[in-house]
Amino acid sequence: MTTMIERLNDWSRTQAGSTPPRNALTWHRPLLLLIVLMAATVLVSLAGMVVDDRTLLGAPLWAKPFKFSVSILLYALALTWMLSLLTRARRVGWWLGTVITVAFVVEMAVIVGQAARGTMSHFNASTSADGALYALMGNAIAVLWIATLLVAILLLRTAIPDPATRWAIRLGIVIALLGMSVGFLMVTAAPEQIAGMDMSTRTPVGAHSVGTADGGPGLPRCSSSPAAAPARRRPLHRHARAAGPAAVRRRFGDPRRGPAQ
């Protein structure tokens, strides 16, 4: 983790332009704390998968906290680096990063808490308490998406000297926003769920897969259904903003070392 942050810090120095370079340890503190928290959650989730043999919808109970914590860790690492590149409206960027941090903490608190209870965190309206937690998490995710959109606007208005890095960041954050938007399809109630509501019975609202029920045969290690349009990809699209700059550098070369051979 330290090596990765040092490399991002070194890279940000080449993109600073007229702005004095900032040490990685002075980057957005709440996001840095979120990275540490998610690293700890990764370890807890791994331990849970080893010692807790319970399953939920055909997947290990602690698989979802593990996948989300890895995803959020990478997201926060990339975002705190990108915020360090802002040349104006830095205070606005700081507050947006803080809002995103709080939204992620709320989301993960629900996910980990529900996993510890042995029940679903997403699409769970089986009790009033479960429905309230699901609504809380949904509102946090909506706030997260809006804050990410505003960060994207700031980054689009930021002058980054290297064209490869500039376009990698722009395309990466747009792809991340589009990928996160898939979540809005996942919360749409299926016809059988609507029928259950009509009969005043509590059923899940939405599903991980669009067009099929959860819990059937799935792809190895991710449990996504190959028989329908799987939408269990929102967390993975967060990686786009982290993978984008690396992919473009492989194609066009590192500006510190010249074009790729």
C-alpha atoms as a PDB file:
ATOM      1  CA  MET A   1       0.000   0.000   0.000  1.00  0.00           C
ATOM      2  CA  THR A   2       2.810   2.441   0.912  1.00  0.00           C
ATOM      3  CA  THR A   3       4.624   1.709  -2.357  1.00  0.00           C
ATOM      4  CA  MET A   4       1.457   2.365  -4.376  1.00  0.00           C
ATOM      5  CA  ILE A   5       0.881   5.704  -2.643  1.00  0.00           C
ATOM      6  CA  GLU A   6       4.520   6.686  -3.191  1.00  0.00           C
ATOM      7  CA  ARG A   7       4.226   5.926  -6.906  1.00  0.00           C
ATOM      8  CA  LEU A   8       1.042   7.984  -7.206  1.00  0.00           C
ATOM      9  CA  ASN A   9       2.709  10.812  -5.313  1.00  0.00           C
ATOM     10  CA  ASP A  10       5.712  10.688  -7.649  1.00  0.00           C
ATOM     11  CA  TRP A  11       3.397  10.738 -10.659  1.00  0.00           C
ATOM     12  CA  SER A  12       1.378  13.673  -9.283  1.00  0.00           C
ATOM     13  CA  ARG A  13       4.572  15.719  -9.028  1.00  0.00           C
ATOM     14  CA  THR A  14       4.940  15.513 -12.827  1.00  0.00           C
ATOM     15  CA  GLN A  15       1.364  16.759 -13.248  1.00  0.00           C
ATOM     16  CA  ALA A  16       1.457  19.591 -10.746  1.00  0.00           C
ATOM     17  CA  GLY A  17       2.169  22.319 -13.306  1.00  0.00           C
ATOM     18  CA  SER A  18       2.350  25.650 -11.508  1.00  0.00           C
ATOM     19  CA  THR A  19       0.880  24.143  -8.332  1.00  0.00           C
ATOM     20  CA  PRO A  20       3.437  23.121  -5.683  1.00  0.00           C
ATOM     21  CA  PRO A  21       3.620  19.310  -5.420  1.00  0.00           C
ATOM     22  CA  ARG A  22       1.933  17.801  -2.384  1.00  0.00           C
ATOM     23  CA  ASN A  23       3.255  14.897  -0.403  1.00  0.00           C
ATOM     24  CA  ALA A  24       0.974  11.856  -0.357  1.00  0.00           C
ATOM     25  CA  LEU A  25       0.647  12.071   3.421  1.00  0.00           C
ATOM     26  CA  THR A  26      -0.913  15.530   3.028  1.00  0.00           C
ATOM     27  CA  TRP A  27      -3.586  14.293   0.631  1.00  0.00           C
ATOM     28  CA  HIS A  28      -7.232  14.231   1.610  1.00  0.00           C
ATOM     29  CA  ARG A  29      -7.085  12.953   5.205  1.00  0.00           C
ATOM     30  CA  PRO A  30     -10.636  11.545   5.472  1.00  0.00           C
ATOM     31  CA  LEU A  31     -10.087   9.501   2.294  1.00  0.00           C
ATOM     32  CA  LEU A  32      -6.720   8.286   3.590  1.00  0.00           C
ATOM     33  CA  LEU A  33      -8.438   7.160   6.789  1.00  0.00           C
ATOM     34  CA  LEU A  34     -11.075   5.437   4.657  1.00  0.00           C
ATOM     35  CA  ILE A  35      -8.309   3.542   2.854  1.00  0.00           C
ATOM     36  CA  VAL A  36      -6.947   2.302   6.192  1.00  0.00           C
ATOM     37  CA  LEU A  37     -10.441   1.358   7.354  1.00  0.00           C
ATOM     38  CA  MET A  38     -11.153  -0.576   4.150  1.00  0.00           C
ATOM     39  CA  ALA A  39      -7.812  -2.383   4.399  1.00  0.00           C
ATOM     40  CA  ALA A  40      -8.841  -3.518   7.896  1.00  0.00           C
ATOM     41  CA  THR A  41     -12.265  -4.539   6.570  1.00  0.00           C
ATOM     42  CA  VAL A  42     -10.583  -6.631   3.875  1.00  0.00           C
ATOM     43  CA  LEU A  43      -8.736  -8.570   6.577  1.00  0.00           C
ATOM     44  CA  VAL A  44     -11.870  -8.982   8.690  1.00  0.00           C
ATOM     45  CA  SER A  45     -13.840 -10.220   5.671  1.00  0.00           C
ATOM     46  CA  LEU A  46     -11.126 -12.689   4.716  1.00  0.00           C
ATOM     47  CA  ALA A  47     -11.113 -14.008   8.271  1.00  0.00           C
ATOM     48  CA  GLY A  48     -14.899 -14.246   8.131  1.00  0.00           C
ATOM     49  CA  MET A  49     -14.779 -16.331   4.970  1.00  0.00           C
ATOM     50  CA  VAL A  50     -12.322 -18.683   6.660  1.00  0.00           C
ATOM     51  CA  VAL A  51     -14.061 -19.167  10.022  1.00  0.00           C
ATOM     52  CA  ASP A  52     -17.708 -18.587   9.047  1.00  0.00           C
ATOM     53  CA  ASP A  53     -19.086 -21.208   6.663  1.00  0.00           C
ATOM     54  CA  ARG A  54     -22.519 -19.618   6.302  1.00  0.00           C
ATOM     55  CA  THR A  55     -23.738 -18.707   2.817  1.00  0.00           C
ATOM     56  CA  LEU A  56     -26.242 -16.194   1.516  1.00  0.00           C
ATOM     57  CA  LEU A  57     -27.878 -16.535  -1.912  1.00  0.00           C
ATOM     58  CA  GLY A  58     -25.355 -19.235  -2.772  1.00  0.00           C
ATOM     59  CA  ALA A  59     -22.282 -17.118  -1.967  1.00  0.00           C
ATOM     60  CA  PRO A  60     -20.080 -16.993   1.159  1.00  0.00           C
ATOM     61  CA  LEU A  61     -21.634 -14.648   3.710  1.00  0.00           C
ATOM     62  CA  TRP A  62     -18.539 -12.461   3.947  1.00  0.00           C
ATOM     63  CA  ALA A  63     -17.856 -12.307   0.205  1.00  0.00           C
ATOM     64  CA  LYS A  64     -19.848  -9.089  -0.272  1.00  0.00           C
ATOM     65  CA  PRO A  65     -18.034  -7.139   2.488  1.00  0.00           C
ATOM     66  CA  PHE A  66     -14.741  -8.353   1.020  1.00  0.00           C
ATOM     67  CA  LYS A  67     -15.564  -7.273  -2.540  1.00  0.00           C
ATOM     68  CA  PHE A  68     -16.971  -3.911  -1.483  1.00  0.00           C
ATOM     69  CA  SER A  69     -14.049  -3.120   0.810  1.00  0.00           C
ATOM     70  CA  VAL A  70     -11.509  -3.885  -1.940  1.00  0.00           C
ATOM     71  CA  SER A  71     -13.513  -1.813  -4.404  1.00  0.00           C
ATOM     72  CA  ILE A  72     -13.866   1.169  -2.060  1.00  0.00           C
ATOM     73  CA  LEU A  73     -10.178   0.992  -1.107  1.00  0.00           C
ATOM     74  CA  LEU A  74      -9.129   1.334  -4.754  1.00  0.00           C
ATOM     75  CA  TYR A  75     -11.744   4.019  -5.379  1.00  0.00           C
ATOM     76  CA  ALA A  76     -10.585   6.102  -2.403  1.00  0.00           C
ATOM     77  CA  LEU A  77      -6.914   5.711  -3.315  1.00  0.00           C
ATOM     78  CA  ALA A  78      -7.529   6.939  -6.869  1.00  0.00           C
ATOM     79  CA  LEU A  79      -9.846   9.723  -5.753  1.00  0.00           C
ATOM     80  CA  THR A  80      -7.487  11.175  -3.146  1.00  0.00           C
ATOM     81  CA  TRP A  81      -4.738  11.253  -5.792  1.00  0.00           C
ATOM     82  CA  MET A  82      -7.030  12.983  -8.280  1.00  0.00           C
ATOM     83  CA  LEU A  83      -8.108  15.567  -5.720  1.00  0.00           C
ATOM     84  CA  SER A  84      -4.430  16.381  -5.176  1.00  0.00           C
ATOM     85  CA  LEU A  85      -4.248  17.423  -8.846  1.00  0.00           C
ATOM     86  CA  LEU A  86      -6.904  20.131  -8.519  1.00  0.00           C
ATOM     87  CA  THR A  87      -5.499  23.589  -9.245  1.00  0.00           C
ATOM     88  CA  ARG A  88      -8.636  25.518  -8.225  1.00  0.00           C
ATOM     89  CA  ALA A  89     -11.735  24.981  -6.092  1.00  0.00           C
ATOM     90  CA  ARG A  90      -9.624  22.784  -3.838  1.00  0.00           C
ATOM     91  CA  ARG A  91     -11.777  23.561  -0.822  1.00  0.00           C
ATOM     92  CA  VAL A  92     -14.856  22.406  -2.733  1.00  0.00           C
ATOM     93  CA  GLY A  93     -12.976  19.260  -3.732  1.00  0.00           C
ATOM     94  CA  TRP A  94     -12.048  18.633  -0.091  1.00  0.00           C
ATOM     95  CA  TRP A  95     -15.668  18.827   1.044  1.00  0.00           C
ATOM     96  CA  LEU A  96     -16.827  16.597  -1.814  1.00  0.00           C
ATOM     97  CA  GLY A  97     -14.179  14.039  -0.840  1.00  0.00           C
ATOM     98  CA  THR A  98     -15.407  14.206   2.755  1.00  0.00           C
ATOM     99  CA  VAL A  99     -19.028  13.681   1.684  1.00  0.00           C
ATOM    100  CA  ILE A 100     -17.949  10.664  -0.383  1.00  0.00           C
ATOM    101  CA  THR A 101     -16.035   9.287   2.612  1.00  0.00           C
ATOM    102  CA  VAL A 102     -19.064   9.575   4.896  1.00  0.00           C
ATOM    103  CA  ALA A 103     -21.323   7.964   2.272  1.00  0.00           C
ATOM    104  CA  PHE A 104     -18.953   5.008   1.940  1.00  0.00           C
ATOM    105  CA  VAL A 105     -18.708   4.581   5.713  1.00  0.00           C
ATOM    106  CA  VAL A 106     -22.517   4.484   5.963  1.00  0.00           C
ATOM    107  CA  GLU A 107     -22.739   1.968   3.108  1.00  0.00           C
ATOM    108  CA  MET A 108     -20.085  -0.327   4.557  1.00  0.00           C
ATOM    109  CA  ALA A 109     -21.519  -0.098   8.071  1.00  0.00           C
ATOM    110  CA  VAL A 110     -24.803  -1.487   6.735  1.00  0.00           C
ATOM    111  CA  ILE A 111     -23.098  -4.153   4.611  1.00  0.00           C
ATOM    112  CA  VAL A 112     -20.836  -5.413   7.399  1.00  0.00           C
ATOM    113  CA  GLY A 113     -23.553  -5.151  10.030  1.00  0.00           C
ATOM    114  CA  GLN A 114     -26.048  -7.130   7.977  1.00  0.00           C
ATOM    115  CA  ALA A 115     -23.406  -9.736   7.132  1.00  0.00           C
ATOM    116  CA  ALA A 116     -22.732 -10.177  10.845  1.00  0.00           C
ATOM    117  CA  ARG A 117     -26.472 -10.747  11.315  1.00  0.00           C
ATOM    118  CA  GLY A 118     -26.460 -13.312   8.513  1.00  0.00           C
ATOM    119  CA  THR A 119     -28.911 -11.444   6.308  1.00  0.00           C
ATOM    120  CA  MET A 120     -28.948  -9.383   3.121  1.00  0.00           C
ATOM    121  CA  SER A 121     -27.894  -5.746   3.071  1.00  0.00           C
ATOM    122  CA  HIS A 122     -29.166  -4.961  -0.431  1.00  0.00           C
ATOM    123  CA  PHE A 123     -32.805  -5.299  -1.573  1.00  0.00           C
ATOM    124  CA  ASN A 124     -33.836  -6.419   1.904  1.00  0.00           C
ATOM    125  CA  ALA A 125     -37.275  -5.273   3.062  1.00  0.00           C
ATOM    126  CA  SER A 126     -38.120  -8.374   5.096  1.00  0.00           C
ATOM    127  CA  THR A 127     -38.545  -6.326   8.290  1.00  0.00           C
ATOM    128  CA  SER A 128     -39.043  -2.653   9.041  1.00  0.00           C
ATOM    129  CA  ALA A 129     -35.491  -2.407  10.376  1.00  0.00           C
ATOM    130  CA  ASP A 130     -34.017  -4.094   7.306  1.00  0.00           C
ATOM    131  CA  GLY A 131     -36.024  -1.809   5.039  1.00  0.00           C
ATOM    132  CA  ALA A 132     -34.831   1.266   6.935  1.00  0.00           C
ATOM    133  CA  LEU A 133     -31.177   0.177   6.662  1.00  0.00           C
ATOM    134  CA  TYR A 134     -31.597  -0.510   2.949  1.00  0.00           C
ATOM    135  CA  ALA A 135     -33.156   2.932   2.442  1.00  0.00           C
ATOM    136  CA  LEU A 136     -30.340   4.563   4.428  1.00  0.00           C
ATOM    137  CA  MET A 137     -27.742   2.836   2.279  1.00  0.00           C
ATOM    138  CA  GLY A 138     -29.597   3.755  -0.913  1.00  0.00           C
ATOM    139  CA  ASN A 139     -29.688   7.422   0.060  1.00  0.00           C
ATOM    140  CA  ALA A 140     -25.973   7.336   0.881  1.00  0.00           C
ATOM    141  CA  ILE A 141     -25.214   5.854  -2.541  1.00  0.00           C
ATOM    142  CA  ALA A 142     -27.307   8.540  -4.261  1.00  0.00           C
ATOM    143  CA  VAL A 143     -25.342  11.230  -2.401  1.00  0.00           C
ATOM    144  CA  LEU A 144     -22.119   9.425  -3.369  1.00  0.00           C
ATOM    145  CA  TRP A 145     -23.057   9.475  -7.059  1.00  0.00           C
ATOM    146  CA  ILE A 146     -23.904  13.185  -7.015  1.00  0.00           C
ATOM    147  CA  ALA A 147     -20.667  14.037  -5.191  1.00  0.00           C
ATOM    148  CA  THR A 148     -18.674  11.958  -7.682  1.00  0.00           C
ATOM    149  CA  LEU A 149     -20.378  13.832 -10.536  1.00  0.00           C
ATOM    150  CA  LEU A 150     -19.335  17.150  -9.014  1.00  0.00           C
ATOM    151  CA  VAL A 151     -15.763  15.883  -8.578  1.00  0.00           C
ATOM    152  CA  ALA A 152     -15.820  14.868 -12.248  1.00  0.00           C
ATOM    153  CA  ILE A 153     -16.801  18.426 -13.206  1.00  0.00           C
ATOM    154  CA  LEU A 154     -13.893  19.820 -11.177  1.00  0.00           C
ATOM    155  CA  LEU A 155     -11.470  17.396 -12.810  1.00  0.00           C
ATOM    156  CA  LEU A 156     -12.772  18.216 -16.289  1.00  0.00           C
ATOM    157  CA  ARG A 157     -11.977  21.869 -15.580  1.00  0.00           C
ATOM    158  CA  THR A 158      -8.493  21.095 -14.233  1.00  0.00           C
ATOM    159  CA  ALA A 159      -5.509  21.753 -16.500  1.00  0.00           C
ATOM    160  CA  ILE A 160      -3.309  18.641 -16.432  1.00  0.00           C
ATOM    161  CA  PRO A 161      -0.158  19.051 -18.559  1.00  0.00           C
ATOM    162  CA  ASP A 162       0.239  15.484 -19.809  1.00  0.00           C
ATOM    163  CA  PRO A 163      -2.450  14.624 -22.423  1.00  0.00           C
ATOM    164  CA  ALA A 164      -2.404  10.892 -21.650  1.00  0.00           C
ATOM    165  CA  THR A 165      -3.005  11.458 -17.954  1.00  0.00           C
ATOM    166  CA  ARG A 166      -5.580  14.154 -18.636  1.00  0.00           C
ATOM    167  CA  TRP A 167      -7.698  11.944 -20.895  1.00  0.00           C
ATOM    168  CA  ALA A 168      -7.200   8.867 -18.754  1.00  0.00           C
ATOM    169  CA  ILE A 169      -8.631  10.723 -15.749  1.00  0.00           C
ATOM    170  CA  ARG A 170     -11.513  12.192 -17.727  1.00  0.00           C
ATOM    171  CA  LEU A 171     -12.495   8.924 -19.358  1.00  0.00           C
ATOM    172  CA  GLY A 172     -11.964   6.943 -16.157  1.00  0.00           C
ATOM    173  CA  ILE A 173     -14.265   9.090 -14.049  1.00  0.00           C
ATOM    174  CA  VAL A 174     -16.953   9.157 -16.754  1.00  0.00           C
ATOM    175  CA  ILE A 175     -16.815   5.352 -17.011  1.00  0.00           C
ATOM    176  CA  ALA A 176     -17.015   5.151 -13.209  1.00  0.00           C
ATOM    177  CA  LEU A 177     -20.146   7.325 -13.183  1.00  0.00           C
ATOM    178  CA  LEU A 178     -21.785   5.271 -15.932  1.00  0.00           C
ATOM    179  CA  GLY A 179     -20.921   2.030 -14.158  1.00  0.00           C
ATOM    180  CA  MET A 180     -22.330   3.275 -10.864  1.00  0.00           C
ATOM    181  CA  SER A 181     -25.528   4.245 -12.711  1.00  0.00           C
ATOM    182  CA  VAL A 182     -26.204   0.552 -13.357  1.00  0.00           C
ATOM    183  CA  GLY A 183     -27.232   0.377  -9.713  1.00  0.00           C
ATOM    184  CA  PHE A 184     -30.416   2.272 -10.512  1.00  0.00           C
ATOM    185  CA  LEU A 185     -31.540  -0.668 -12.669  1.00  0.00           C
ATOM    186  CA  MET A 186     -30.840  -3.098  -9.847  1.00  0.00           C
ATOM    187  CA  VAL A 187     -33.269  -1.469  -7.412  1.00  0.00           C
ATOM    188  CA  THR A 188     -36.245  -1.757  -9.782  1.00  0.00           C
ATOM    189  CA  ALA A 189     -38.790  -4.205  -8.403  1.00  0.00           C
ATOM    190  CA  ALA A 190     -39.518  -7.251 -10.584  1.00  0.00           C
ATOM    191  CA  PRO A 191     -43.170  -8.104 -11.434  1.00  0.00           C
ATOM    192  CA  GLU A 192     -43.279 -10.940  -8.892  1.00  0.00           C
ATOM    193  CA  GLN A 193     -41.908  -8.574  -6.241  1.00  0.00           C
ATOM    194  CA  ILE A 194     -44.605  -6.039  -7.065  1.00  0.00           C
ATOM    195  CA  ALA A 195     -47.196  -8.806  -6.751  1.00  0.00           C
ATOM    196  CA  GLY A 196     -45.804  -9.650  -3.337  1.00  0.00           C
ATOM    197  CA  MET A 197     -46.191  -6.023  -2.300  1.00  0.00           C
ATOM    198  CA  ASP A 198     -49.794  -6.075  -3.470  1.00  0.00           C
ATOM    199  CA  MET A 199     -50.439  -9.057  -1.223  1.00  0.00           C
ATOM    200  CA  SER A 200     -48.916  -7.173   1.723  1.00  0.00           C
ATOM    201  CA  THR A 201     -46.068  -9.662   2.038  1.00  0.00           C
ATOM    202  CA  ARG A 202     -42.485  -8.528   2.534  1.00  0.00           C
ATOM    203  CA  THR A 203     -40.275  -9.558  -0.369  1.00  0.00           C
ATOM    204  CA  PRO A 204     -36.875  -8.368  -1.624  1.00  0.00           C
ATOM    205  CA  VAL A 205     -37.050  -5.191  -3.706  1.00  0.00           C
ATOM    206  CA  GLY A 206     -34.704  -5.419  -6.695  1.00  0.00           C
ATOM    207  CA  ALA A 207     -31.937  -7.917  -7.366  1.00  0.00           C
ATOM    208  CA  HIS A 208     -28.257  -8.173  -8.185  1.00  0.00           C
ATOM    209  CA  SER A 209     -29.116  -9.475 -11.670  1.00  0.00           C
ATOM    210  CA  VAL A 210     -31.477  -7.742 -14.081  1.00  0.00           C
ATOM    211  CA  GLY A 211     -34.006 -10.184 -15.514  1.00  0.00           C
ATOM    212  CA  THR A 212     -33.554 -13.102 -13.128  1.00  0.00           C
ATOM    213  CA  ALA A 213     -33.800 -13.911  -9.447  1.00  0.00           C
ATOM    214  CA  ASP A 214     -30.816 -13.954  -7.100  1.00  0.00           C
ATOM    215  CA  GLY A 215     -29.439 -17.157  -5.715  1.00  0.00           C
ATOM    216  CA  GLY A 216     -29.184 -19.335  -8.827  1.00  0.00           C
ATOM    217  CA  PRO A 217     -26.096 -20.694 -10.571  1.00  0.00           C
ATOM    218  CA  GLY A 218     -23.470 -18.030 -11.041  1.00  0.00           C
ATOM    219  CA  LEU A 219     -20.040 -17.334 -12.420  1.00  0.00           C
ATOM    220  CA  PRO A 220     -17.119 -18.522 -10.276  1.00  0.00           C
ATOM    221  CA  ARG A 221     -16.164 -16.222  -7.373  1.00  0.00           C
ATOM    222  CA  CYS A 222     -18.661 -13.489  -8.263  1.00  0.00           C
ATOM    223  CA  SER A 223     -21.986 -15.387  -8.355  1.00  0.00           C
ATOM    224  CA  SER A 224     -23.310 -13.287 -11.251  1.00  0.00           C
ATOM    225  CA  SER A 225     -25.898 -15.043 -13.353  1.00  0.00           C
ATOM    226  CA  PRO A 226     -24.765 -15.937 -16.907  1.00  0.00           C
ATOM    227  CA  ALA A 227     -28.389 -16.466 -17.949  1.00  0.00           C
ATOM    228  CA  ALA A 228     -29.513 -12.833 -17.689  1.00  0.00           C
ATOM    229  CA  ALA A 229     -28.073  -9.351 -17.847  1.00  0.00           C
ATOM    230  CA  PRO A 230     -25.869  -9.299 -14.740  1.00  0.00           C
ATOM    231  CA  ALA A 231     -25.702  -5.930 -13.079  1.00  0.00           C
ATOM    232  CA  ARG A 232     -23.436  -6.991 -10.220  1.00  0.00           C
ATOM    233  CA  ARG A 233     -20.750  -4.774 -11.665  1.00  0.00           C
ATOM    234  CA  ARG A 234     -21.205  -1.400  -9.976  1.00  0.00           C
ATOM    235  CA  PRO A 235     -18.341  -1.861  -7.501  1.00  0.00           C
ATOM    236  CA  LEU A 236     -15.992  -2.970 -10.289  1.00  0.00           C
ATOM    237  CA  HIS A 237     -16.668   0.172 -12.314  1.00  0.00           C
ATOM    238  CA  ARG A 238     -15.195   2.168  -9.462  1.00  0.00           C
ATOM    239  CA  HIS A 239     -11.849   0.684 -10.481  1.00  0.00           C
ATOM    240  CA  ALA A 240     -12.104   2.417 -13.861  1.00  0.00           C
ATOM    241  CA  ARG A 241     -10.758   5.657 -12.455  1.00  0.00           C
ATOM    242  CA  ALA A 242      -7.781   3.774 -11.003  1.00  0.00           C
ATOM    243  CA  ALA A 243      -7.141   1.571 -14.045  1.00  0.00           C
ATOM    244  CA  GLY A 244      -7.632   4.307 -16.641  1.00  0.00           C
ATOM    245  CA  PRO A 245      -4.368   6.215 -16.098  1.00  0.00           C
ATOM    246  CA  ALA A 246      -2.349   2.989 -15.988  1.00  0.00           C
ATOM    247  CA  ALA A 247      -3.918   1.697 -19.207  1.00  0.00           C
ATOM    248  CA  VAL A 248      -3.282   4.928 -21.084  1.00  0.00           C
ATOM    249  CA  ARG A 249       0.313   5.067 -19.857  1.00  0.00           C
ATOM    250  CA  ARG A 250       0.867   1.548 -21.197  1.00  0.00           C
ATOM    251  CA  ARG A 251      -0.477   2.693 -24.560  1.00  0.00           C
ATOM    252  CA  PHE A 252       1.137   6.125 -24.874  1.00  0.00           C
ATOM    253  CA  GLY A 253       4.044   5.814 -22.483  1.00  0.00           C
ATOM    254  CA  ASP A 254       5.077   7.493 -19.259  1.00  0.00           C
ATOM    255  CA  PRO A 255       5.878  11.213 -19.866  1.00  0.00           C
ATOM    256  CA  ARG A 256       8.829  10.871 -17.477  1.00  0.00           C
ATOM    257  CA  ARG A 257      10.376   8.081 -19.567  1.00  0.00           C
ATOM    258  CA  GLY A 258       9.318   8.855 -23.100  1.00  0.00           C
ATOM    259  CA  PRO A 259       6.898   7.032 -25.428  1.00  0.00           C
ATOM    260  CA  ALA A 260       6.182   3.343 -25.107  1.00  0.00           C
ATOM    261  CA  GLN A 261       8.289   1.068 -27.269  1.00  0.00           C
END
